[in-house]
Amino acid sequence: VGFDSGVDRIFLVTPITIVHEINEESPFYDMNKQDLANADFEIVVILEGMVEATAMTTQCRSSYIASEILWGHRF
């Protein structure tokens, strides 16, 4: 989801999971476990939405620092 992929709208009637695929184009592609342990960065995730019928907006924000990211885990 996002402007880069051309898919900038989702229909939130049912729960949806948004993922970042780590492939050759990902900034995390060449990162290994040691790089993650030594890294000084924060991933900030912002999801904004609007109800078209009422124009009401909502925003959800979360952030993750390197120590909160678990190598090789899925959730």
PDB file of N, CA and C in Angstrom:
ATOM      1  N   VAL A   1       0.854  -1.168   0.000  1.00  0.00           N
ATOM      2  CA  VAL A   1       0.000   0.000   0.000  1.00  0.00           C
ATOM      3  C   VAL A   1       0.893   1.222   0.000  1.00  0.00           C
ATOM      4  N   GLY A   2       0.575   2.172  -0.825  1.00  0.00           N
ATOM      5  CA  GLY A   2       1.335   3.410  -0.835  1.00  0.00           C
ATOM      6  C   GLY A   2       1.446   3.992  -2.220  1.00  0.00           C
ATOM      7  N   PHE A   3       1.922   5.214  -2.268  1.00  0.00           N
ATOM      8  CA  PHE A   3       2.029   5.901  -3.546  1.00  0.00           C
ATOM      9  C   PHE A   3       3.050   5.233  -4.457  1.00  0.00           C
ATOM     10  N   ASP A   4       4.118   4.667  -3.902  1.00  0.00           N
ATOM     11  CA  ASP A   4       5.139   4.024  -4.718  1.00  0.00           C
ATOM     12  C   ASP A   4       4.585   2.849  -5.508  1.00  0.00           C
ATOM     13  N   SER A   5       3.650   2.118  -4.911  1.00  0.00           N
ATOM     14  CA  SER A   5       3.086   0.941  -5.577  1.00  0.00           C
ATOM     15  C   SER A   5       1.872   1.283  -6.421  1.00  0.00           C
ATOM     16  N   GLY A   6       1.382   2.505  -6.321  1.00  0.00           N
ATOM     17  CA  GLY A   6       0.196   2.892  -7.066  1.00  0.00           C
ATOM     18  C   GLY A   6      -1.093   2.450  -6.405  1.00  0.00           C
ATOM     19  N   VAL A   7      -0.987   1.833  -5.239  1.00  0.00           N
ATOM     20  CA  VAL A   7      -2.167   1.376  -4.501  1.00  0.00           C
ATOM     21  C   VAL A   7      -2.274   2.256  -3.261  1.00  0.00           C
ATOM     22  N   ASP A   8      -2.917   3.398  -3.393  1.00  0.00           N
ATOM     23  CA  ASP A   8      -2.955   4.340  -2.280  1.00  0.00           C
ATOM     24  C   ASP A   8      -4.292   4.375  -1.562  1.00  0.00           C
ATOM     25  N   ARG A   9      -5.185   3.434  -1.876  1.00  0.00           N
ATOM     26  CA  ARG A   9      -6.475   3.376  -1.186  1.00  0.00           C
ATOM     27  C   ARG A   9      -6.807   1.932  -0.835  1.00  0.00           C
ATOM     28  N   ILE A  10      -7.295   1.743   0.383  1.00  0.00           N
ATOM     29  CA  ILE A  10      -7.765   0.425   0.802  1.00  0.00           C
ATOM     30  C   ILE A  10      -9.148   0.575   1.407  1.00  0.00           C
ATOM     31  N   PHE A  11      -9.934  -0.473   1.321  1.00  0.00           N
ATOM     32  CA  PHE A  11     -11.299  -0.471   1.822  1.00  0.00           C
ATOM     33  C   PHE A  11     -11.291  -1.195   3.157  1.00  0.00           C
ATOM     34  N   LEU A  12     -11.467  -0.478   4.258  1.00  0.00           N
ATOM     35  CA  LEU A  12     -11.295  -1.028   5.602  1.00  0.00           C
ATOM     36  C   LEU A  12     -12.602  -1.550   6.197  1.00  0.00           C
ATOM     37  N   VAL A  13     -13.215  -2.494   5.522  1.00  0.00           N
ATOM     38  CA  VAL A  13     -14.418  -3.123   6.060  1.00  0.00           C
ATOM     39  C   VAL A  13     -14.033  -4.298   6.945  1.00  0.00           C
ATOM     40  N   THR A  14     -13.004  -5.012   6.566  1.00  0.00           N
ATOM     41  CA  THR A  14     -12.512  -6.150   7.342  1.00  0.00           C
ATOM     42  C   THR A  14     -11.062  -5.864   7.751  1.00  0.00           C
ATOM     43  N   PRO A  15     -10.553  -6.561   8.746  1.00  0.00           N
ATOM     44  CA  PRO A  15      -9.155  -6.347   9.149  1.00  0.00           C
ATOM     45  C   PRO A  15      -8.197  -6.599   7.986  1.00  0.00           C
ATOM     46  N   ILE A  16      -7.140  -5.842   7.947  1.00  0.00           N
ATOM     47  CA  ILE A  16      -6.150  -5.967   6.886  1.00  0.00           C
ATOM     48  C   ILE A  16      -4.759  -5.896   7.506  1.00  0.00           C
ATOM     49  N   THR A  17      -3.837  -6.649   6.955  1.00  0.00           N
ATOM     50  CA  THR A  17      -2.452  -6.624   7.399  1.00  0.00           C
ATOM     51  C   THR A  17      -1.616  -5.984   6.304  1.00  0.00           C
ATOM     52  N   ILE A  18      -0.842  -4.991   6.661  1.00  0.00           N
ATOM     53  CA  ILE A  18       0.033  -4.315   5.713  1.00  0.00           C
ATOM     54  C   ILE A  18       1.460  -4.720   6.052  1.00  0.00           C
ATOM     55  N   VAL A  19       2.210  -5.155   5.053  1.00  0.00           N
ATOM     56  CA  VAL A  19       3.565  -5.642   5.283  1.00  0.00           C
ATOM     57  C   VAL A  19       4.563  -4.877   4.419  1.00  0.00           C
ATOM     58  N   HIS A  20       5.796  -4.899   4.847  1.00  0.00           N
ATOM     59  CA  HIS A  20       6.903  -4.383   4.046  1.00  0.00           C
ATOM     60  C   HIS A  20       7.720  -5.590   3.622  1.00  0.00           C
ATOM     61  N   GLU A  21       7.709  -5.884   2.341  1.00  0.00           N
ATOM     62  CA  GLU A  21       8.470  -7.028   1.832  1.00  0.00           C
ATOM     63  C   GLU A  21       9.937  -6.643   1.739  1.00  0.00           C
ATOM     64  N   ILE A  22      10.788  -7.470   2.345  1.00  0.00           N
ATOM     65  CA  ILE A  22      12.223  -7.208   2.287  1.00  0.00           C
ATOM     66  C   ILE A  22      12.771  -7.932   1.064  1.00  0.00           C
ATOM     67  N   ASN A  23      12.950  -7.163  -0.012  1.00  0.00           N
ATOM     68  CA  ASN A  23      13.507  -7.676  -1.259  1.00  0.00           C
ATOM     69  C   ASN A  23      14.654  -6.759  -1.678  1.00  0.00           C
ATOM     70  N   GLU A  24      15.134  -6.896  -2.900  1.00  0.00           N
ATOM     71  CA  GLU A  24      16.280  -6.116  -3.361  1.00  0.00           C
ATOM     72  C   GLU A  24      16.046  -4.605  -3.294  1.00  0.00           C
ATOM     73  N   GLU A  25      14.801  -4.174  -3.324  1.00  0.00           N
ATOM     74  CA  GLU A  25      14.490  -2.744  -3.301  1.00  0.00           C
ATOM     75  C   GLU A  25      14.319  -2.190  -1.885  1.00  0.00           C
ATOM     76  N   SER A  26      14.307  -3.047  -0.890  1.00  0.00           N
ATOM     77  CA  SER A  26      14.103  -2.628   0.495  1.00  0.00           C
ATOM     78  C   SER A  26      15.390  -2.050   1.089  1.00  0.00           C
ATOM     79  N   PRO A  27      15.293  -0.994   1.888  1.00  0.00           N
ATOM     80  CA  PRO A  27      16.489  -0.474   2.559  1.00  0.00           C
ATOM     81  C   PRO A  27      17.046  -1.448   3.601  1.00  0.00           C
ATOM     82  N   PHE A  28      16.288  -2.467   3.963  1.00  0.00           N
ATOM     83  CA  PHE A  28      16.737  -3.458   4.947  1.00  0.00           C
ATOM     84  C   PHE A  28      17.336  -4.702   4.298  1.00  0.00           C
ATOM     85  N   TYR A  29      17.396  -4.762   2.989  1.00  0.00           N
ATOM     86  CA  TYR A  29      17.794  -5.970   2.265  1.00  0.00           C
ATOM     87  C   TYR A  29      19.193  -6.454   2.648  1.00  0.00           C
ATOM     88  N   ASP A  30      20.151  -5.562   2.757  1.00  0.00           N
ATOM     89  CA  ASP A  30      21.535  -5.955   3.059  1.00  0.00           C
ATOM     90  C   ASP A  30      21.842  -5.966   4.553  1.00  0.00           C
ATOM     91  N   MET A  31      20.838  -5.744   5.382  1.00  0.00           N
ATOM     92  CA  MET A  31      21.046  -5.695   6.827  1.00  0.00           C
ATOM     93  C   MET A  31      21.068  -7.112   7.405  1.00  0.00           C
ATOM     94  N   ASN A  32      22.046  -7.387   8.256  1.00  0.00           N
ATOM     95  CA  ASN A  32      22.089  -8.683   8.939  1.00  0.00           C
ATOM     96  C   ASN A  32      21.776  -8.479  10.422  1.00  0.00           C
ATOM     97  N   LYS A  33      21.789  -9.557  11.179  1.00  0.00           N
ATOM     98  CA  LYS A  33      21.409  -9.488  12.590  1.00  0.00           C
ATOM     99  C   LYS A  33      22.324  -8.550  13.377  1.00  0.00           C
ATOM    100  N   GLN A  34      23.607  -8.582  13.092  1.00  0.00           N
ATOM    101  CA  GLN A  34      24.556  -7.710  13.796  1.00  0.00           C
ATOM    102  C   GLN A  34      24.328  -6.243  13.433  1.00  0.00           C
ATOM    103  N   ASP A  35      24.044  -5.984  12.159  1.00  0.00           N
ATOM    104  CA  ASP A  35      23.740  -4.609  11.744  1.00  0.00           C
ATOM    105  C   ASP A  35      22.535  -4.076  12.509  1.00  0.00           C
ATOM    106  N   LEU A  36      21.511  -4.916  12.656  1.00  0.00           N
ATOM    107  CA  LEU A  36      20.306  -4.507  13.377  1.00  0.00           C
ATOM    108  C   LEU A  36      20.625  -4.203  14.840  1.00  0.00           C
ATOM    109  N   ALA A  37      21.459  -5.038  15.458  1.00  0.00           N
ATOM    110  CA  ALA A  37      21.818  -4.839  16.864  1.00  0.00           C
ATOM    111  C   ALA A  37      22.587  -3.531  17.066  1.00  0.00           C
ATOM    112  N   ASN A  38      23.382  -3.142  16.079  1.00  0.00           N
ATOM    113  CA  ASN A  38      24.201  -1.932  16.187  1.00  0.00           C
ATOM    114  C   ASN A  38      23.522  -0.689  15.610  1.00  0.00           C
ATOM    115  N   ALA A  39      22.371  -0.868  15.014  1.00  0.00           N
ATOM    116  CA  ALA A  39      21.715   0.231  14.298  1.00  0.00           C
ATOM    117  C   ALA A  39      21.138   1.272  15.248  1.00  0.00           C
ATOM    118  N   ASP A  40      21.124   2.486  14.770  1.00  0.00           N
ATOM    119  CA  ASP A  40      20.519   3.595  15.506  1.00  0.00           C
ATOM    120  C   ASP A  40      19.470   4.221  14.595  1.00  0.00           C
ATOM    121  N   PHE A  41      18.278   3.621  14.572  1.00  0.00           N
ATOM    122  CA  PHE A  41      17.212   4.130  13.725  1.00  0.00           C
ATOM    123  C   PHE A  41      15.864   3.858  14.367  1.00  0.00           C
ATOM    124  N   GLU A  42      14.851   4.458  13.808  1.00  0.00           N
ATOM    125  CA  GLU A  42      13.484   4.263  14.269  1.00  0.00           C
ATOM    126  C   GLU A  42      12.587   4.171  13.042  1.00  0.00           C
ATOM    127  N   ILE A  43      11.718   3.177  13.025  1.00  0.00           N
ATOM    128  CA  ILE A  43      10.731   3.044  11.960  1.00  0.00           C
ATOM    129  C   ILE A  43       9.433   3.650  12.478  1.00  0.00           C
ATOM    130  N   VAL A  44       8.928   4.626  11.765  1.00  0.00           N
ATOM    131  CA  VAL A  44       7.676   5.280  12.138  1.00  0.00           C
ATOM    132  C   VAL A  44       6.618   4.873  11.120  1.00  0.00           C
ATOM    133  N   VAL A  45       5.514   4.322  11.617  1.00  0.00           N
ATOM    134  CA  VAL A  45       4.412   3.874  10.764  1.00  0.00           C
ATOM    135  C   VAL A  45       3.214   4.770  11.037  1.00  0.00           C
ATOM    136  N   ILE A  46       2.683   5.354   9.977  1.00  0.00           N
ATOM    137  CA  ILE A  46       1.510   6.227  10.096  1.00  0.00           C
ATOM    138  C   ILE A  46       0.459   5.741   9.109  1.00  0.00           C
ATOM    139  N   LEU A  47      -0.723   5.487   9.616  1.00  0.00           N
ATOM    140  CA  LEU A  47      -1.850   5.096   8.773  1.00  0.00           C
ATOM    141  C   LEU A  47      -2.930   6.149   8.946  1.00  0.00           C
ATOM    142  N   GLU A  48      -3.291   6.791   7.859  1.00  0.00           N
ATOM    143  CA  GLU A  48      -4.332   7.813   7.888  1.00  0.00           C
ATOM    144  C   GLU A  48      -5.511   7.333   7.067  1.00  0.00           C
ATOM    145  N   GLY A  49      -6.697   7.650   7.526  1.00  0.00           N
ATOM    146  CA  GLY A  49      -7.885   7.240   6.798  1.00  0.00           C
ATOM    147  C   GLY A  49      -8.963   8.303   6.842  1.00  0.00           C
ATOM    148  N   MET A  50      -9.888   8.183   5.887  1.00  0.00           N
ATOM    149  CA  MET A  50     -10.997   9.125   5.820  1.00  0.00           C
ATOM    150  C   MET A  50     -12.250   8.373   5.393  1.00  0.00           C
ATOM    151  N   VAL A  51     -13.357   8.675   6.057  1.00  0.00           N
ATOM    152  CA  VAL A  51     -14.655   8.146   5.659  1.00  0.00           C
ATOM    153  C   VAL A  51     -15.181   9.086   4.579  1.00  0.00           C
ATOM    154  N   GLU A  52     -15.284   8.595   3.348  1.00  0.00           N
ATOM    155  CA  GLU A  52     -15.659   9.472   2.240  1.00  0.00           C
ATOM    156  C   GLU A  52     -17.037  10.095   2.418  1.00  0.00           C
ATOM    157  N   ALA A  53     -17.972   9.364   2.999  1.00  0.00           N
ATOM    158  CA  ALA A  53     -19.341   9.874   3.141  1.00  0.00           C
ATOM    159  C   ALA A  53     -19.425  11.069   4.088  1.00  0.00           C
ATOM    160  N   THR A  54     -18.559  11.095   5.119  1.00  0.00           N
ATOM    161  CA  THR A  54     -18.621  12.163   6.123  1.00  0.00           C
ATOM    162  C   THR A  54     -17.380  13.053   6.145  1.00  0.00           C
ATOM    163  N   ALA A  55     -16.347  12.652   5.456  1.00  0.00           N
ATOM    164  CA  ALA A  55     -15.056  13.350   5.433  1.00  0.00           C
ATOM    165  C   ALA A  55     -14.374  13.347   6.796  1.00  0.00           C
ATOM    166  N   MET A  56     -14.796  12.473   7.699  1.00  0.00           N
ATOM    167  CA  MET A  56     -14.121  12.342   8.997  1.00  0.00           C
ATOM    168  C   MET A  56     -12.791  11.624   8.783  1.00  0.00           C
ATOM    169  N   THR A  57     -11.747  12.105   9.447  1.00  0.00           N
ATOM    170  CA  THR A  57     -10.432  11.505   9.302  1.00  0.00           C
ATOM    171  C   THR A  57      -9.983  10.876  10.613  1.00  0.00           C
ATOM    172  N   THR A  58      -9.070   9.945  10.489  1.00  0.00           N
ATOM    173  CA  THR A  58      -8.476   9.307  11.659  1.00  0.00           C
ATOM    174  C   THR A  58      -7.017   9.009  11.344  1.00  0.00           C
ATOM    175  N   GLN A  59      -6.214   8.889  12.369  1.00  0.00           N
ATOM    176  CA  GLN A  59      -4.804   8.599  12.185  1.00  0.00           C
ATOM    177  C   GLN A  59      -4.336   7.655  13.284  1.00  0.00           C
ATOM    178  N   CYS A  60      -3.515   6.702  12.891  1.00  0.00           N
ATOM    179  CA  CYS A  60      -2.915   5.758  13.832  1.00  0.00           C
ATOM    180  C   CYS A  60      -1.410   5.821  13.621  1.00  0.00           C
ATOM    181  N   ARG A  61      -0.659   5.961  14.705  1.00  0.00           N
ATOM    182  CA  ARG A  61       0.795   6.057  14.611  1.00  0.00           C
ATOM    183  C   ARG A  61       1.450   5.067  15.558  1.00  0.00           C
ATOM    184  N   SER A  62       2.551   4.528  15.119  1.00  0.00           N
ATOM    185  CA  SER A  62       3.354   3.655  15.965  1.00  0.00           C
ATOM    186  C   SER A  62       4.800   3.779  15.505  1.00  0.00           C
ATOM    187  N   SER A  63       5.724   3.498  16.395  1.00  0.00           N
ATOM    188  CA  SER A  63       7.130   3.535  16.005  1.00  0.00           C
ATOM    189  C   SER A  63       7.862   2.366  16.641  1.00  0.00           C
ATOM    190  N   TYR A  64       8.940   1.989  16.000  1.00  0.00           N
ATOM    191  CA  TYR A  64       9.742   0.856  16.450  1.00  0.00           C
ATOM    192  C   TYR A  64      11.212   1.252  16.388  1.00  0.00           C
ATOM    193  N   ILE A  65      11.925   1.071  17.495  1.00  0.00           N
ATOM    194  CA  ILE A  65      13.367   1.278  17.493  1.00  0.00           C
ATOM    195  C   ILE A  65      14.032  -0.074  17.279  1.00  0.00           C
ATOM    196  N   ALA A  66      15.315  -0.051  16.970  1.00  0.00           N
ATOM    197  CA  ALA A  66      16.021  -1.279  16.599  1.00  0.00           C
ATOM    198  C   ALA A  66      15.893  -2.373  17.659  1.00  0.00           C
ATOM    199  N   SER A  67      15.919  -2.020  18.926  1.00  0.00           N
ATOM    200  CA  SER A  67      15.850  -3.035  19.987  1.00  0.00           C
ATOM    201  C   SER A  67      14.472  -3.689  20.090  1.00  0.00           C
ATOM    202  N   GLU A  68      13.451  -3.098  19.476  1.00  0.00           N
ATOM    203  CA  GLU A  68      12.103  -3.674  19.505  1.00  0.00           C
ATOM    204  C   GLU A  68      11.831  -4.601  18.322  1.00  0.00           C
ATOM    205  N   ILE A  69      12.761  -4.656  17.378  1.00  0.00           N
ATOM    206  CA  ILE A  69      12.590  -5.495  16.192  1.00  0.00           C
ATOM    207  C   ILE A  69      13.295  -6.818  16.437  1.00  0.00           C
ATOM    208  N   LEU A  70      12.580  -7.908  16.281  1.00  0.00           N
ATOM    209  CA  LEU A  70      13.124  -9.238  16.544  1.00  0.00           C
ATOM    210  C   LEU A  70      13.542  -9.900  15.238  1.00  0.00           C
ATOM    211  N   TRP A  71      14.810 -10.246  15.143  1.00  0.00           N
ATOM    212  CA  TRP A  71      15.369 -10.849  13.937  1.00  0.00           C
ATOM    213  C   TRP A  71      14.806 -12.254  13.727  1.00  0.00           C
ATOM    214  N   GLY A  72      14.302 -12.522  12.538  1.00  0.00           N
ATOM    215  CA  GLY A  72      13.831 -13.860  12.188  1.00  0.00           C
ATOM    216  C   GLY A  72      12.475 -14.226  12.758  1.00  0.00           C
ATOM    217  N   HIS A  73      11.789 -13.313  13.409  1.00  0.00           N
ATOM    218  CA  HIS A  73      10.477 -13.589  13.994  1.00  0.00           C
ATOM    219  C   HIS A  73       9.365 -13.118  13.063  1.00  0.00           C
ATOM    220  N   ARG A  74       8.200 -13.705  13.236  1.00  0.00           N
ATOM    221  CA  ARG A  74       7.000 -13.281  12.520  1.00  0.00           C
ATOM    222  C   ARG A  74       5.941 -12.983  13.558  1.00  0.00           C
ATOM    223  N   PHE A  75       5.042 -12.102  13.236  1.00  0.00           N
ATOM    224  CA  PHE A  75       3.951 -11.812  14.153  1.00  0.00           C
ATOM    225  C   PHE A  75       2.664 -11.673  13.382  1.00  0.00           C
TER     226      PHE A  75
END
